[in-house]
C-alpha cells in the first residue's frame, strides 16, 4: 500500500494543541491525531465524509 499524504486541517489550532491531519484517497478520507500518529486513523468513505461535512456545517 502506498503511504498516505497527510496534511493538517486548516481548522487545527495554531498552538499545536488541536491538530487533526487528513489524507485523501480515491476510496476514502482518512483522519488522524497528529500528536500521536501511532494511533489508528479513522477512515470514512467519500459519501459518508460528505454527509458528515453537511451535518457539521448545520445542513
C-alpha atoms as a PDB file:
ATOM      1  CA  UNK A   1       0.000   0.000   0.000  1.00  0.00           C
ATOM      2  CA  UNK A   2       1.270   3.450  -0.890  1.00  0.00           C
ATOM      3  CA  UNK A   3       1.981   5.812   2.010  1.00  0.00           C
ATOM      4  CA  UNK A   4      -0.751   8.359   2.582  1.00  0.00           C
ATOM      5  CA  UNK A   5      -0.041  12.058   2.001  1.00  0.00           C
ATOM      6  CA  UNK A   6      -1.177  13.658   5.269  1.00  0.00           C
ATOM      7  CA  UNK A   7      -1.926  17.371   5.653  1.00  0.00           C
ATOM      8  CA  UNK A   8      -3.008  19.374   8.663  1.00  0.00           C
ATOM      9  CA  UNK A   9      -6.567  20.595   8.728  1.00  0.00           C
ATOM     10  CA  UNK A  10      -6.980  24.344   8.328  1.00  0.00           C
ATOM     11  CA  UNK A  11      -9.226  24.153  11.416  1.00  0.00           C
ATOM     12  CA  UNK A  12      -6.440  22.823  13.649  1.00  0.00           C
ATOM     13  CA  UNK A  13      -5.273  25.155  16.384  1.00  0.00           C
ATOM     14  CA  UNK A  14      -2.190  27.245  15.709  1.00  0.00           C
ATOM     15  CA  UNK A  15      -0.827  26.449  19.195  1.00  0.00           C
ATOM     16  CA  UNK A  16      -0.324  22.763  18.319  1.00  0.00           C
ATOM     17  CA  UNK A  17      -2.985  21.662  20.781  1.00  0.00           C
ATOM     18  CA  UNK A  18      -5.803  20.563  18.461  1.00  0.00           C
ATOM     19  CA  UNK A  19      -4.110  19.051  15.449  1.00  0.00           C
ATOM     20  CA  UNK A  20      -6.002  16.895  13.017  1.00  0.00           C
ATOM     21  CA  UNK A  21      -4.424  15.551   9.846  1.00  0.00           C
ATOM     22  CA  UNK A  22      -6.290  14.340   6.785  1.00  0.00           C
ATOM     23  CA  UNK A  23      -5.286  12.155   3.847  1.00  0.00           C
ATOM     24  CA  UNK A  24      -7.475  11.742   0.767  1.00  0.00           C
ATOM     25  CA  UNK A  25      -7.559   8.692  -1.486  1.00  0.00           C
ATOM     26  CA  UNK A  26      -9.900   7.672  -4.296  1.00  0.00           C
ATOM     27  CA  UNK A  27     -11.823   5.424  -1.902  1.00  0.00           C
ATOM     28  CA  UNK A  28     -11.825   7.267   1.433  1.00  0.00           C
ATOM     29  CA  UNK A  29     -10.925  10.189   3.644  1.00  0.00           C
ATOM     30  CA  UNK A  30      -8.520   9.287   6.471  1.00  0.00           C
ATOM     31  CA  UNK A  31      -8.296  11.347   9.668  1.00  0.00           C
ATOM     32  CA  UNK A  32      -5.729  11.069  12.470  1.00  0.00           C
ATOM     33  CA  UNK A  33      -4.464  12.895  15.546  1.00  0.00           C
ATOM     34  CA  UNK A  34      -1.157  14.474  14.559  1.00  0.00           C
ATOM     35  CA  UNK A  35       0.059  14.482  18.165  1.00  0.00           C
ATOM     36  CA  UNK A  36       0.142  10.648  18.190  1.00  0.00           C
ATOM     37  CA  UNK A  37       0.413   9.230  14.677  1.00  0.00           C
ATOM     38  CA  UNK A  38       0.884   5.719  16.106  1.00  0.00           C
ATOM     39  CA  UNK A  39      -2.841   5.612  16.879  1.00  0.00           C
ATOM     40  CA  UNK A  40      -5.056   4.188  14.137  1.00  0.00           C
ATOM     41  CA  UNK A  41      -6.582   6.635  11.698  1.00  0.00           C
ATOM     42  CA  UNK A  42     -10.323   6.844  11.127  1.00  0.00           C
ATOM     43  CA  UNK A  43     -11.260   6.077   7.526  1.00  0.00           C
ATOM     44  CA  UNK A  44     -14.572   7.197   6.051  1.00  0.00           C
ATOM     45  CA  UNK A  45     -15.968   6.622   2.583  1.00  0.00           C
ATOM     46  CA  UNK A  46     -16.359   9.700   0.404  1.00  0.00           C
ATOM     47  CA  UNK A  47     -20.173   9.779   0.668  1.00  0.00           C
ATOM     48  CA  UNK A  48     -20.005   9.352   4.447  1.00  0.00           C
ATOM     49  CA  UNK A  49     -17.478  12.194   4.642  1.00  0.00           C
ATOM     50  CA  UNK A  50     -19.764  14.439   2.558  1.00  0.00           C
ATOM     51  CA  UNK A  51     -22.693  13.699   4.890  1.00  0.00           C
ATOM     52  CA  UNK A  52     -20.502  14.450   7.917  1.00  0.00           C
ATOM     53  CA  UNK A  53     -19.416  17.811   6.458  1.00  0.00           C
ATOM     54  CA  UNK A  54     -23.004  18.771   5.620  1.00  0.00           C
ATOM     55  CA  UNK A  55     -24.076  17.917   9.168  1.00  0.00           C
ATOM     56  CA  UNK A  56     -21.120  19.775  10.720  1.00  0.00           C
ATOM     57  CA  UNK A  57     -21.994  22.845   8.643  1.00  0.00           C
ATOM     58  CA  UNK A  58     -25.531  22.746  10.012  1.00  0.00           C
ATOM     59  CA  UNK A  59     -27.205  21.461   6.873  1.00  0.00           C
END
